[in-house]
Every structure is written in C-alpha cells, then in structure tokens.
Amino acid sequence: MAFATVVIHGAIHQAGIEATVLRAVGMLIGFGVLGFMLGNVAENVVDESVRAKMAQELARRAAENPEVPANAVAKA
C-alpha cells in the first residue's frame, strides 16, 4: 500500500521515475519494518493474554478440586 501510494503521488505531481521508485522502495521497506515490529508487539500481547487466562483457569480448577494434585489439573 505504501509503494502504491508513493507511485500514485509521484504520477499526480509528475515527479521523476527514478526519484519516485526510490522513495516508494524506501517507504516499502519502512512500512515493512514497522509492520514487523507491530506484529511482534501484537503477538506478545496475545501470548500474555492467553497465558494469563490459562493460569486463571488452572487456578479456578485447582480451587474446585483441592484433593487433586496440581499437575493432574494441568493435564485436564
């Protein structure tokens, strides 16, 4: 999307092809890096949320069945 936006902008403003392509490639790389970083942050947020919910569920099950060992609850 960044590449296409820069190319369209260059065409509208009648910019040179070399400068437009160079800027478009730069934006493509920049947005790729940004997407990679935001994707990693999102992945970490989801992982932490799932781990917290699993720990909460395991604690709830352990509280419901105190006579069952904790490792048996984790296997359920």
C-alpha atoms as a PDB file:
ATOM      1  CA  MET A   1       0.000   0.000   0.000  1.00  0.00           C
ATOM      2  CA  ALA A   2       2.850   2.386   0.818  1.00  0.00           C
ATOM      3  CA  PHE A   3       4.533   1.629  -2.506  1.00  0.00           C
ATOM      4  CA  ALA A   4       1.336   2.225  -4.473  1.00  0.00           C
ATOM      5  CA  THR A   5       0.595   5.450  -2.592  1.00  0.00           C
ATOM      6  CA  VAL A   6       4.025   6.893  -3.364  1.00  0.00           C
ATOM      7  CA  VAL A   7       3.807   5.864  -7.030  1.00  0.00           C
ATOM      8  CA  ILE A   8       0.366   7.471  -7.382  1.00  0.00           C
ATOM      9  CA  HIS A   9       1.609  10.595  -5.598  1.00  0.00           C
ATOM     10  CA  GLY A  10       4.580  10.757  -7.970  1.00  0.00           C
ATOM     11  CA  ALA A  11       2.320  10.350 -11.001  1.00  0.00           C
ATOM     12  CA  ILE A  12      -0.059  13.080  -9.840  1.00  0.00           C
ATOM     13  CA  HIS A  13       2.781  15.521  -9.190  1.00  0.00           C
ATOM     14  CA  GLN A  14       4.702  14.437 -12.305  1.00  0.00           C
ATOM     15  CA  ALA A  15       7.818  13.522 -10.345  1.00  0.00           C
ATOM     16  CA  GLY A  16      10.734  11.744 -11.974  1.00  0.00           C
ATOM     17  CA  ILE A  17      10.548   7.970 -12.264  1.00  0.00           C
ATOM     18  CA  GLU A  18      13.859   7.302 -10.509  1.00  0.00           C
ATOM     19  CA  ALA A  19      13.056   9.518  -7.536  1.00  0.00           C
ATOM     20  CA  THR A  20       9.527   8.122  -7.265  1.00  0.00           C
ATOM     21  CA  VAL A  21      10.665   4.492  -7.353  1.00  0.00           C
ATOM     22  CA  LEU A  22      13.470   5.181  -4.875  1.00  0.00           C
ATOM     23  CA  ARG A  23      11.041   6.865  -2.479  1.00  0.00           C
ATOM     24  CA  ALA A  24       8.493   4.066  -2.995  1.00  0.00           C
ATOM     25  CA  VAL A  25      11.058   1.375  -2.204  1.00  0.00           C
ATOM     26  CA  GLY A  26      12.148   3.308   0.887  1.00  0.00           C
ATOM     27  CA  MET A  27       8.568   3.560   2.090  1.00  0.00           C
ATOM     28  CA  LEU A  28       8.013  -0.118   1.311  1.00  0.00           C
ATOM     29  CA  ILE A  29      10.980  -1.076   3.485  1.00  0.00           C
ATOM     30  CA  GLY A  30       9.963   1.369   6.216  1.00  0.00           C
ATOM     31  CA  PHE A  31       6.411   0.088   6.385  1.00  0.00           C
ATOM     32  CA  GLY A  32       7.690  -3.491   6.299  1.00  0.00           C
ATOM     33  CA  VAL A  33       9.879  -2.850   9.340  1.00  0.00           C
ATOM     34  CA  LEU A  34       7.031  -1.044  11.108  1.00  0.00           C
ATOM     35  CA  GLY A  35       4.648  -3.915  10.358  1.00  0.00           C
ATOM     36  CA  PHE A  36       7.176  -6.438  11.634  1.00  0.00           C
ATOM     37  CA  MET A  37       7.609  -4.539  14.905  1.00  0.00           C
ATOM     38  CA  LEU A  38       3.881  -4.014  15.448  1.00  0.00           C
ATOM     39  CA  GLY A  39       3.232  -7.666  14.603  1.00  0.00           C
ATOM     40  CA  ASN A  40       5.705  -8.769  17.259  1.00  0.00           C
ATOM     41  CA  VAL A  41       4.097  -6.489  19.835  1.00  0.00           C
ATOM     42  CA  ALA A  42       0.637  -7.844  18.957  1.00  0.00           C
ATOM     43  CA  GLU A  43       1.899 -11.426  19.176  1.00  0.00           C
ATOM     44  CA  ASN A  44       3.347 -10.777  22.643  1.00  0.00           C
ATOM     45  CA  VAL A  45       0.112  -9.167  23.836  1.00  0.00           C
ATOM     46  CA  VAL A  46      -1.944 -12.141  22.644  1.00  0.00           C
ATOM     47  CA  ASP A  47       0.501 -14.658  24.147  1.00  0.00           C
ATOM     48  CA  GLU A  48       0.449 -12.916  27.525  1.00  0.00           C
ATOM     49  CA  SER A  49      -3.345 -12.735  27.473  1.00  0.00           C
ATOM     50  CA  VAL A  50      -3.693 -16.440  26.681  1.00  0.00           C
ATOM     51  CA  ARG A  51      -1.167 -17.385  29.364  1.00  0.00           C
ATOM     52  CA  ALA A  52      -2.981 -15.251  31.948  1.00  0.00           C
ATOM     53  CA  LYS A  53      -6.348 -16.812  31.060  1.00  0.00           C
ATOM     54  CA  MET A  54      -4.869 -20.312  31.214  1.00  0.00           C
ATOM     55  CA  ALA A  55      -3.296 -19.619  34.610  1.00  0.00           C
ATOM     56  CA  GLN A  56      -6.598 -18.214  35.850  1.00  0.00           C
ATOM     57  CA  GLU A  57      -8.497 -21.273  34.597  1.00  0.00           C
ATOM     58  CA  LEU A  58      -5.975 -23.673  36.139  1.00  0.00           C
ATOM     59  CA  ALA A  59      -6.197 -21.822  39.456  1.00  0.00           C
ATOM     60  CA  ARG A  60     -10.001 -21.993  39.319  1.00  0.00           C
ATOM     61  CA  ARG A  61      -9.921 -25.737  38.633  1.00  0.00           C
ATOM     62  CA  ALA A  62      -7.396 -26.304  41.412  1.00  0.00           C
ATOM     63  CA  ALA A  63      -9.636 -24.393  43.832  1.00  0.00           C
ATOM     64  CA  GLU A  64     -12.651 -26.504  42.815  1.00  0.00           C
ATOM     65  CA  ASN A  65     -10.764 -29.790  43.310  1.00  0.00           C
ATOM     66  CA  PRO A  66      -8.303 -29.287  46.198  1.00  0.00           C
ATOM     67  CA  GLU A  67      -7.734 -33.042  46.643  1.00  0.00           C
ATOM     68  CA  VAL A  68      -6.447 -33.415  43.058  1.00  0.00           C
ATOM     69  CA  PRO A  69      -2.705 -32.686  42.643  1.00  0.00           C
ATOM     70  CA  ALA A  70      -1.912 -29.507  40.704  1.00  0.00           C
ATOM     71  CA  ASN A  71      -0.136 -31.383  37.915  1.00  0.00           C
ATOM     72  CA  ALA A  72      -3.215 -33.568  37.365  1.00  0.00           C
ATOM     73  CA  VAL A  73      -5.359 -30.447  36.957  1.00  0.00           C
ATOM     74  CA  ALA A  74      -2.907 -29.065  34.415  1.00  0.00           C
ATOM     75  CA  LYS A  75      -3.264 -32.244  32.327  1.00  0.00           C
ATOM     76  CA  ALA A  76      -7.072 -31.995  32.232  1.00  0.00           C
END
